[in-house]
Each structure stands twice: as C-alpha cells, then as structure tokens.
PDB file of N, CA and C in Angstrom:
ATOM      1  N   MET A   1     100.138  10.827  68.718  1.00  0.00           N
ATOM      2  CA  MET A   1     101.742   9.506  68.497  1.00  0.00           C
ATOM      3  C   MET A   1     102.440  10.299  68.734  1.00  0.00           C
ATOM      4  N   ALA A   2     103.400   8.989  70.060  1.00  0.00           N
ATOM      5  CA  ALA A   2     104.662   9.909  70.249  1.00  0.00           C
ATOM      6  C   ALA A   2     105.592   9.642  69.342  1.00  0.00           C
ATOM      7  N   ALA A   3     106.734  10.069  69.475  1.00  0.00           N
ATOM      8  CA  ALA A   3     107.623   9.621  68.683  1.00  0.00           C
ATOM      9  C   ALA A   3     108.698   8.627  69.350  1.00  0.00           C
ATOM     10  N   GLY A   4     109.241   7.787  68.332  1.00  0.00           N
ATOM     11  CA  GLY A   4     110.539   7.370  69.217  1.00  0.00           C
ATOM     12  C   GLY A   4     111.631   7.611  68.939  1.00  0.00           C
ATOM     13  N   ILE A   5     112.642   7.782  69.873  1.00  0.00           N
ATOM     14  CA  ILE A   5     114.070   7.584  69.967  1.00  0.00           C
ATOM     15  C   ILE A   5     114.820   6.657  70.422  1.00  0.00           C
ATOM     16  N   LEU A   6     115.800   6.044  69.487  1.00  0.00           N
ATOM     17  CA  LEU A   6     116.563   4.826  69.789  1.00  0.00           C
ATOM     18  C   LEU A   6     117.934   5.438  70.480  1.00  0.00           C
ATOM     19  N   TYR A   7     118.533   4.974  71.392  1.00  0.00           N
ATOM     20  CA  TYR A   7     119.635   5.763  72.096  1.00  0.00           C
ATOM     21  C   TYR A   7     120.031   5.053  72.892  1.00  0.00           C
ATOM     22  N   SER A   8     121.127   4.933  73.244  1.00  0.00           N
ATOM     23  CA  SER A   8     122.423   4.311  74.089  1.00  0.00           C
ATOM     24  C   SER A   8     123.163   5.821  74.430  1.00  0.00           C
ATOM     25  N   PRO A   9     124.113   5.965  75.827  1.00  0.00           N
ATOM     26  CA  PRO A   9     124.693   6.652  75.782  1.00  0.00           C
ATOM     27  C   PRO A   9     126.718   6.478  75.253  1.00  0.00           C
ATOM     28  N   ALA A  10     126.457   4.913  74.991  1.00  0.00           N
ATOM     29  CA  ALA A  10     127.693   4.228  74.364  1.00  0.00           C
ATOM     30  C   ALA A  10     127.524   4.896  72.661  1.00  0.00           C
ATOM     31  N   PHE A  11     126.009   5.631  72.399  1.00  0.00           N
ATOM     32  CA  PHE A  11     126.590   6.357  70.538  1.00  0.00           C
ATOM     33  C   PHE A  11     127.781   7.605  70.677  1.00  0.00           C
ATOM     34  N   LEU A  12     127.910   7.875  72.008  1.00  0.00           N
ATOM     35  CA  LEU A  12     128.798   9.010  72.384  1.00  0.00           C
ATOM     36  C   LEU A  12     130.025   8.736  72.257  1.00  0.00           C
ATOM     37  N   ASP A  13     130.092   7.656  72.151  1.00  0.00           N
ATOM     38  CA  ASP A  13     131.881   6.880  71.911  1.00  0.00           C
ATOM     39  C   ASP A  13     131.910   6.921  70.892  1.00  0.00           C
ATOM     40  N   HIS A  14     131.098   6.915  69.633  1.00  0.00           N
ATOM     41  CA  HIS A  14     131.719   6.940  68.289  1.00  0.00           C
ATOM     42  C   HIS A  14     132.395   8.380  67.845  1.00  0.00           C
ATOM     43  N   VAL A  15     133.691   7.655  67.698  1.00  0.00           N
ATOM     44  CA  VAL A  15     134.385   9.144  67.055  1.00  0.00           C
ATOM     45  C   VAL A  15     135.316   8.440  65.705  1.00  0.00           C
ATOM     46  N   ALA A  16     134.697   8.982  64.736  1.00  0.00           N
ATOM     47  CA  ALA A  16     135.508   9.247  63.695  1.00  0.00           C
ATOM     48  C   ALA A  16     136.775   9.377  62.895  1.00  0.00           C
ATOM     49  N   ASP A  17     137.651   8.613  62.244  1.00  0.00           N
ATOM     50  CA  ASP A  17     139.089   9.415  61.633  1.00  0.00           C
ATOM     51  C   ASP A  17     138.484  10.761  61.182  1.00  0.00           C
ATOM     52  N   GLY A  18     139.613  11.727  61.755  1.00  0.00           N
ATOM     53  CA  GLY A  18     139.555  12.888  60.563  1.00  0.00           C
ATOM     54  C   GLY A  18     138.491  13.683  61.483  1.00  0.00           C
ATOM     55  N   TYR A  19     137.735  14.709  59.981  1.00  0.00           N
ATOM     56  CA  TYR A  19     136.472  15.306  60.217  1.00  0.00           C
ATOM     57  C   TYR A  19     135.470  14.536  59.547  1.00  0.00           C
ATOM     58  N   HIS A  20     134.708  13.877  60.415  1.00  0.00           N
ATOM     59  CA  HIS A  20     133.670  12.995  59.721  1.00  0.00           C
ATOM     60  C   HIS A  20     132.462  13.366  60.198  1.00  0.00           C
ATOM     61  N   PRO A  21     131.474  13.660  59.892  1.00  0.00           N
ATOM     62  CA  PRO A  21     129.942  14.475  60.023  1.00  0.00           C
ATOM     63  C   PRO A  21     129.456  13.128  61.515  1.00  0.00           C
ATOM     64  N   GLU A  22     129.820  12.242  61.430  1.00  0.00           N
ATOM     65  CA  GLU A  22     129.267  11.015  62.644  1.00  0.00           C
ATOM     66  C   GLU A  22     130.314  11.345  63.956  1.00  0.00           C
ATOM     67  N   ARG A  23     130.240  12.172  64.613  1.00  0.00           N
ATOM     68  CA  ARG A  23     130.743  12.294  65.634  1.00  0.00           C
ATOM     69  C   ARG A  23     130.438  12.673  66.626  1.00  0.00           C
ATOM     70  N   PRO A  24     130.786  12.609  68.158  1.00  0.00           N
ATOM     71  CA  PRO A  24     130.169  13.234  69.706  1.00  0.00           C
ATOM     72  C   PRO A  24     129.474  14.250  69.318  1.00  0.00           C
ATOM     73  N   GLU A  25     130.029  15.395  69.047  1.00  0.00           N
ATOM     74  CA  GLU A  25     129.611  16.774  68.919  1.00  0.00           C
ATOM     75  C   GLU A  25     128.825  17.101  68.104  1.00  0.00           C
ATOM     76  N   ARG A  26     128.278  16.324  66.960  1.00  0.00           N
ATOM     77  CA  ARG A  26     127.120  16.426  66.011  1.00  0.00           C
ATOM     78  C   ARG A  26     125.839  16.062  67.144  1.00  0.00           C
ATOM     79  N   LEU A  27     125.705  14.755  67.676  1.00  0.00           N
ATOM     80  CA  LEU A  27     125.215  13.975  68.084  1.00  0.00           C
ATOM     81  C   LEU A  27     124.531  14.951  69.572  1.00  0.00           C
ATOM     82  N   ALA A  28     125.630  15.598  70.231  1.00  0.00           N
ATOM     83  CA  ALA A  28     125.017  16.362  71.521  1.00  0.00           C
ATOM     84  C   ALA A  28     124.601  17.192  70.879  1.00  0.00           C
ATOM     85  N   ALA A  29     124.550  18.181  69.784  1.00  0.00           N
ATOM     86  CA  ALA A  29     123.843  18.955  69.156  1.00  0.00           C
ATOM     87  C   ALA A  29     122.228  18.854  69.210  1.00  0.00           C
ATOM     88  N   VAL A  30     122.239  17.663  68.536  1.00  0.00           N
ATOM     89  CA  VAL A  30     120.876  16.852  67.964  1.00  0.00           C
ATOM     90  C   VAL A  30     120.195  16.498  69.477  1.00  0.00           C
ATOM     91  N   LEU A  31     120.589  16.082  70.508  1.00  0.00           N
ATOM     92  CA  LEU A  31     120.440  15.692  71.927  1.00  0.00           C
ATOM     93  C   LEU A  31     120.151  17.285  72.531  1.00  0.00           C
ATOM     94  N   HIS A  32     120.637  17.849  72.696  1.00  0.00           N
ATOM     95  CA  HIS A  32     120.219  19.612  73.124  1.00  0.00           C
ATOM     96  C   HIS A  32     119.218  19.588  72.574  1.00  0.00           C
ATOM     97  N   GLY A  33     119.111  20.278  71.496  1.00  0.00           N
ATOM     98  CA  GLY A  33     117.920  20.328  70.208  1.00  0.00           C
ATOM     99  C   GLY A  33     116.985  19.864  70.767  1.00  0.00           C
ATOM    100  N   LEU A  34     116.698  18.486  70.617  1.00  0.00           N
ATOM    101  CA  LEU A  34     115.349  17.829  71.448  1.00  0.00           C
ATOM    102  C   LEU A  34     114.769  18.070  72.313  1.00  0.00           C
ATOM    103  N   GLU A  35     115.892  18.628  73.331  1.00  0.00           N
ATOM    104  CA  GLU A  35     115.793  18.723  74.656  1.00  0.00           C
ATOM    105  C   GLU A  35     114.927  20.137  74.760  1.00  0.00           C
ATOM    106  N   GLU A  36     115.714  20.976  74.228  1.00  0.00           N
ATOM    107  CA  GLU A  36     115.367  22.419  74.041  1.00  0.00           C
ATOM    108  C   GLU A  36     113.805  22.530  73.239  1.00  0.00           C
ATOM    109  N   SER A  37     113.417  21.491  72.752  1.00  0.00           N
ATOM    110  CA  SER A  37     112.066  21.467  71.978  1.00  0.00           C
ATOM    111  C   SER A  37     110.945  20.822  72.702  1.00  0.00           C
ATOM    112  N   GLY A  38     111.603  20.184  73.739  1.00  0.00           N
ATOM    113  CA  GLY A  38     110.634  19.242  74.543  1.00  0.00           C
ATOM    114  C   GLY A  38     110.320  17.895  74.017  1.00  0.00           C
ATOM    115  N   THR A  39     111.294  17.687  72.736  1.00  0.00           N
ATOM    116  CA  THR A  39     110.605  16.482  72.114  1.00  0.00           C
ATOM    117  C   THR A  39     111.528  14.973  72.929  1.00  0.00           C
ATOM    118  N   TRP A  40     112.529  15.860  73.266  1.00  0.00           N
ATOM    119  CA  TRP A  40     112.576  14.473  74.205  1.00  0.00           C
ATOM    120  C   TRP A  40     112.343  14.155  75.427  1.00  0.00           C
ATOM    121  N   GLY A  41     111.510  14.846  76.151  1.00  0.00           N
ATOM    122  CA  GLY A  41     110.846  14.554  77.413  1.00  0.00           C
ATOM    123  C   GLY A  41     109.541  13.897  76.567  1.00  0.00           C
ATOM    124  N   ALA A  42     108.737  14.515  75.706  1.00  0.00           N
ATOM    125  CA  ALA A  42     107.650  13.539  75.022  1.00  0.00           C
ATOM    126  C   ALA A  42     107.931  12.509  74.466  1.00  0.00           C
ATOM    127  N   ALA A  43     109.382  12.132  73.916  1.00  0.00           N
ATOM    128  CA  ALA A  43     108.862  10.626  73.321  1.00  0.00           C
ATOM    129  C   ALA A  43     109.414   9.693  73.960  1.00  0.00           C
ATOM    130  N   ARG A  44     109.373   8.579  73.413  1.00  0.00           N
ATOM    131  CA  ARG A  44     109.322   7.391  73.721  1.00  0.00           C
ATOM    132  C   ARG A  44     110.963   6.567  73.444  1.00  0.00           C
ATOM    133  N   LYS A  45     111.677   6.455  74.657  1.00  0.00           N
ATOM    134  CA  LYS A  45     112.804   6.215  74.465  1.00  0.00           C
ATOM    135  C   LYS A  45     113.230   4.583  74.059  1.00  0.00           C
ATOM    136  N   LEU A  46     113.779   3.992  72.985  1.00  0.00           N
ATOM    137  CA  LEU A  46     114.037   2.737  72.645  1.00  0.00           C
ATOM    138  C   LEU A  46     115.580   2.358  72.741  1.00  0.00           C
ATOM    139  N   ASP A  47     115.247   0.851  73.449  1.00  0.00           N
ATOM    140  CA  ASP A  47     117.123   0.341  73.529  1.00  0.00           C
ATOM    141  C   ASP A  47     117.375   0.227  72.507  1.00  0.00           C
ATOM    142  N   PRO A  48     118.582   0.147  71.672  1.00  0.00           N
ATOM    143  CA  PRO A  48     119.437  -0.257  70.672  1.00  0.00           C
ATOM    144  C   PRO A  48     119.755  -1.684  70.736  1.00  0.00           C
ATOM    145  N   ARG A  49     119.381  -2.423  69.794  1.00  0.00           N
ATOM    146  CA  ARG A  49     119.660  -3.833  69.733  1.00  0.00           C
ATOM    147  C   ARG A  49     120.613  -4.231  68.330  1.00  0.00           C
ATOM    148  N   ASP A  50     120.922  -5.250  68.229  1.00  0.00           N
ATOM    149  CA  ASP A  50     121.346  -5.937  67.211  1.00  0.00           C
ATOM    150  C   ASP A  50     120.672  -5.598  65.805  1.00  0.00           C
ATOM    151  N   ALA A  51     120.949  -5.236  64.829  1.00  0.00           N
ATOM    152  CA  ALA A  51     120.018  -5.599  63.691  1.00  0.00           C
ATOM    153  C   ALA A  51     119.906  -7.076  63.076  1.00  0.00           C
ATOM    154  N   ARG A  52     118.985  -7.692  62.534  1.00  0.00           N
ATOM    155  CA  ARG A  52     118.993  -8.774  61.710  1.00  0.00           C
ATOM    156  C   ARG A  52     119.311  -8.521  60.472  1.00  0.00           C
ATOM    157  N   ALA A  53     119.809  -9.401  59.375  1.00  0.00           N
ATOM    158  CA  ALA A  53     120.351  -9.437  58.455  1.00  0.00           C
ATOM    159  C   ALA A  53     119.137  -9.013  57.324  1.00  0.00           C
ATOM    160  N   GLU A  54     117.851  -9.573  57.623  1.00  0.00           N
ATOM    161  CA  GLU A  54     116.839  -9.163  56.692  1.00  0.00           C
ATOM    162  C   GLU A  54     116.648  -7.694  56.778  1.00  0.00           C
ATOM    163  N   GLU A  55     116.829  -7.206  58.007  1.00  0.00           N
ATOM    164  CA  GLU A  55     116.243  -5.703  58.532  1.00  0.00           C
ATOM    165  C   GLU A  55     117.142  -4.603  57.140  1.00  0.00           C
ATOM    166  N   LEU A  56     118.592  -5.171  57.422  1.00  0.00           N
ATOM    167  CA  LEU A  56     119.569  -4.248  56.868  1.00  0.00           C
ATOM    168  C   LEU A  56     119.454  -4.646  55.588  1.00  0.00           C
ATOM    169  N   GLU A  57     119.373  -5.259  54.697  1.00  0.00           N
ATOM    170  CA  GLU A  57     119.252  -5.626  53.180  1.00  0.00           C
ATOM    171  C   GLU A  57     117.965  -4.714  53.559  1.00  0.00           C
ATOM    172  N   ARG A  58     116.441  -4.239  54.115  1.00  0.00           N
ATOM    173  CA  ARG A  58     115.864  -3.242  53.539  1.00  0.00           C
ATOM    174  C   ARG A  58     116.684  -2.031  52.682  1.00  0.00           C
ATOM    175  N   VAL A  59     117.916  -1.708  53.366  1.00  0.00           N
ATOM    176  CA  VAL A  59     118.755  -0.415  53.092  1.00  0.00           C
ATOM    177  C   VAL A  59     119.778  -0.363  52.632  1.00  0.00           C
ATOM    178  N   HIS A  60     120.255  -1.762  52.261  1.00  0.00           N
ATOM    179  CA  HIS A  60     121.729  -2.153  51.793  1.00  0.00           C
ATOM    180  C   HIS A  60     121.598  -3.259  51.135  1.00  0.00           C
ATOM    181  N   ASP A  61     122.533  -3.196  49.920  1.00  0.00           N
ATOM    182  CA  ASP A  61     122.561  -4.166  49.456  1.00  0.00           C
ATOM    183  C   ASP A  61     122.946  -5.729  49.998  1.00  0.00           C
ATOM    184  N   ARG A  62     122.425  -7.068  49.629  1.00  0.00           N
ATOM    185  CA  ARG A  62     122.413  -8.110  50.208  1.00  0.00           C
ATOM    186  C   ARG A  62     124.024  -8.377  49.948  1.00  0.00           C
ATOM    187  N   SER A  63     124.928  -8.469  49.336  1.00  0.00           N
ATOM    188  CA  SER A  63     126.377  -8.302  49.345  1.00  0.00           C
ATOM    189  C   SER A  63     127.026  -7.153  50.022  1.00  0.00           C
ATOM    190  N   TYR A  64     126.586  -6.066  50.467  1.00  0.00           N
ATOM    191  CA  TYR A  64     127.092  -5.602  51.014  1.00  0.00           C
ATOM    192  C   TYR A  64     127.315  -6.001  52.887  1.00  0.00           C
ATOM    193  N   VAL A  65     126.034  -6.380  52.860  1.00  0.00           N
ATOM    194  CA  VAL A  65     125.382  -7.116  54.434  1.00  0.00           C
ATOM    195  C   VAL A  65     126.477  -8.064  54.649  1.00  0.00           C
ATOM    196  N   GLU A  66     126.398  -8.990  53.511  1.00  0.00           N
ATOM    197  CA  GLU A  66     127.276 -10.394  53.947  1.00  0.00           C
ATOM    198  C   GLU A  66     128.802 -10.051  54.289  1.00  0.00           C
ATOM    199  N   ARG A  67     129.444  -8.693  53.175  1.00  0.00           N
ATOM    200  CA  ARG A  67     130.780  -8.293  53.265  1.00  0.00           C
ATOM    201  C   ARG A  67     131.108  -8.043  54.903  1.00  0.00           C
ATOM    202  N   THR A  68     129.995  -7.091  55.473  1.00  0.00           N
ATOM    203  CA  THR A  68     129.725  -6.315  56.357  1.00  0.00           C
ATOM    204  C   THR A  68     130.027  -7.884  57.770  1.00  0.00           C
ATOM    205  N   LEU A  69     129.270  -8.230  57.185  1.00  0.00           N
ATOM    206  CA  LEU A  69     129.061  -9.502  58.396  1.00  0.00           C
ATOM    207  C   LEU A  69     130.172 -10.826  58.400  1.00  0.00           C
ATOM    208  N   ARG A  70     130.906 -10.746  57.403  1.00  0.00           N
ATOM    209  CA  ARG A  70     132.083 -11.855  57.517  1.00  0.00           C
ATOM    210  C   ARG A  70     133.433 -10.908  57.991  1.00  0.00           C
ATOM    211  N   ALA A  71     133.420  -9.790  57.773  1.00  0.00           N
ATOM    212  CA  ALA A  71     134.177  -8.796  58.183  1.00  0.00           C
ATOM    213  C   ALA A  71     134.162  -8.732  60.115  1.00  0.00           C
ATOM    214  N   LEU A  72     132.924  -8.597  60.472  1.00  0.00           N
ATOM    215  CA  LEU A  72     132.393  -8.806  61.900  1.00  0.00           C
ATOM    216  C   LEU A  72     133.084 -10.119  62.264  1.00  0.00           C
ATOM    217  N   GLY A  73     132.497 -11.069  61.752  1.00  0.00           N
ATOM    218  CA  GLY A  73     132.942 -12.367  62.045  1.00  0.00           C
ATOM    219  C   GLY A  73     134.237 -12.703  62.236  1.00  0.00           C
ATOM    220  N   SER A  74     134.937 -12.371  61.134  1.00  0.00           N
ATOM    221  CA  SER A  74     136.753 -12.251  61.366  1.00  0.00           C
ATOM    222  C   SER A  74     137.314 -11.973  62.733  1.00  0.00           C
ATOM    223  N   GLY A  75     136.503 -10.509  63.112  1.00  0.00           N
ATOM    224  CA  GLY A  75     137.529 -10.192  64.174  1.00  0.00           C
ATOM    225  C   GLY A  75     138.381  -9.040  63.327  1.00  0.00           C
ATOM    226  N   ARG A  76     138.857  -8.959  62.189  1.00  0.00           N
ATOM    227  CA  ARG A  76     139.306  -8.033  61.694  1.00  0.00           C
ATOM    228  C   ARG A  76     138.642  -6.659  61.210  1.00  0.00           C
ATOM    229  N   PHE A  77     138.579  -5.919  61.512  1.00  0.00           N
ATOM    230  CA  PHE A  77     138.084  -4.288  61.931  1.00  0.00           C
ATOM    231  C   PHE A  77     139.218  -3.389  60.948  1.00  0.00           C
ATOM    232  N   GLY A  78     138.231  -3.253  60.188  1.00  0.00           N
ATOM    233  CA  GLY A  78     139.005  -1.681  59.009  1.00  0.00           C
ATOM    234  C   GLY A  78     137.690  -0.825  58.031  1.00  0.00           C
ATOM    235  N   ASN A  79     137.967  -0.422  57.400  1.00  0.00           N
ATOM    236  CA  ASN A  79     137.412   0.125  56.554  1.00  0.00           C
ATOM    237  C   ASN A  79     136.469  -0.904  55.581  1.00  0.00           C
ATOM    238  N   LEU A  80     135.288  -0.617  55.584  1.00  0.00           N
ATOM    239  CA  LEU A  80     134.666  -1.272  54.586  1.00  0.00           C
ATOM    240  C   LEU A  80     134.582  -0.638  53.691  1.00  0.00           C
ATOM    241  N   ASP A  81     134.093   0.676  53.447  1.00  0.00           N
ATOM    242  CA  ASP A  81     134.628   1.803  52.231  1.00  0.00           C
ATOM    243  C   ASP A  81     135.060   3.169  52.743  1.00  0.00           C
ATOM    244  N   SER A  82     134.897   4.044  52.449  1.00  0.00           N
ATOM    245  CA  SER A  82     135.450   5.345  52.522  1.00  0.00           C
ATOM    246  C   SER A  82     134.624   5.617  53.325  1.00  0.00           C
ATOM    247  N   ASP A  83     133.407   5.661  53.763  1.00  0.00           N
ATOM    248  CA  ASP A  83     132.801   5.769  54.836  1.00  0.00           C
ATOM    249  C   ASP A  83     132.425   5.269  55.610  1.00  0.00           C
ATOM    250  N   THR A  84     132.906   3.804  56.105  1.00  0.00           N
ATOM    251  CA  THR A  84     131.974   2.992  56.668  1.00  0.00           C
ATOM    252  C   THR A  84     133.647   2.142  57.193  1.00  0.00           C
ATOM    253  N   PHE A  85     133.961   2.471  58.592  1.00  0.00           N
ATOM    254  CA  PHE A  85     134.946   1.896  58.985  1.00  0.00           C
ATOM    255  C   PHE A  85     134.508   1.275  60.291  1.00  0.00           C
TER     256      PHE A  85
END
C-alpha cells in the first residue's frame, strides 16, 4: 500500500509570527527528506480540501471548532490561542 501525502505549494506561504515550528523552512526540509528517501515519488499525492466540522471534532473539542468557525465567519482574524493565529 502506498502512502498518501496531502500537499499544496500554498502550504509554503504559511508564515507564523516570530519563531514558530510551523514555517516554510521546516516544510521544505520535510519535502527534501521525502524526495531523498524516494517516498515523495512513491506516494499518492492528495489535493487539500476544507475539512468538515465533524472531521475537525474528531481531534478538537466541539467548542473550539465552533469558536474557530465563528471567527472565520466574522472575517476577523487574529489569535485563537497562543499557538493558533
């Protein structure tokens, strides 16, 4: 069975404030490692899509998902918590 990789070049545009582990350099290093190991070429590439609330609630509390959706719906973007901007 081949691995599946969910990827878009847009992921490299994600730049966090200050020093945060989610940054383009980290993703570039991961992609490089996948290419060097041959995993990238062997893996099935999957296009990203918006997650449904039910899917998000598998890993997040419902209240967190609802608060996030309200923030997105309001058009006001900012920090939801100290790690999510």
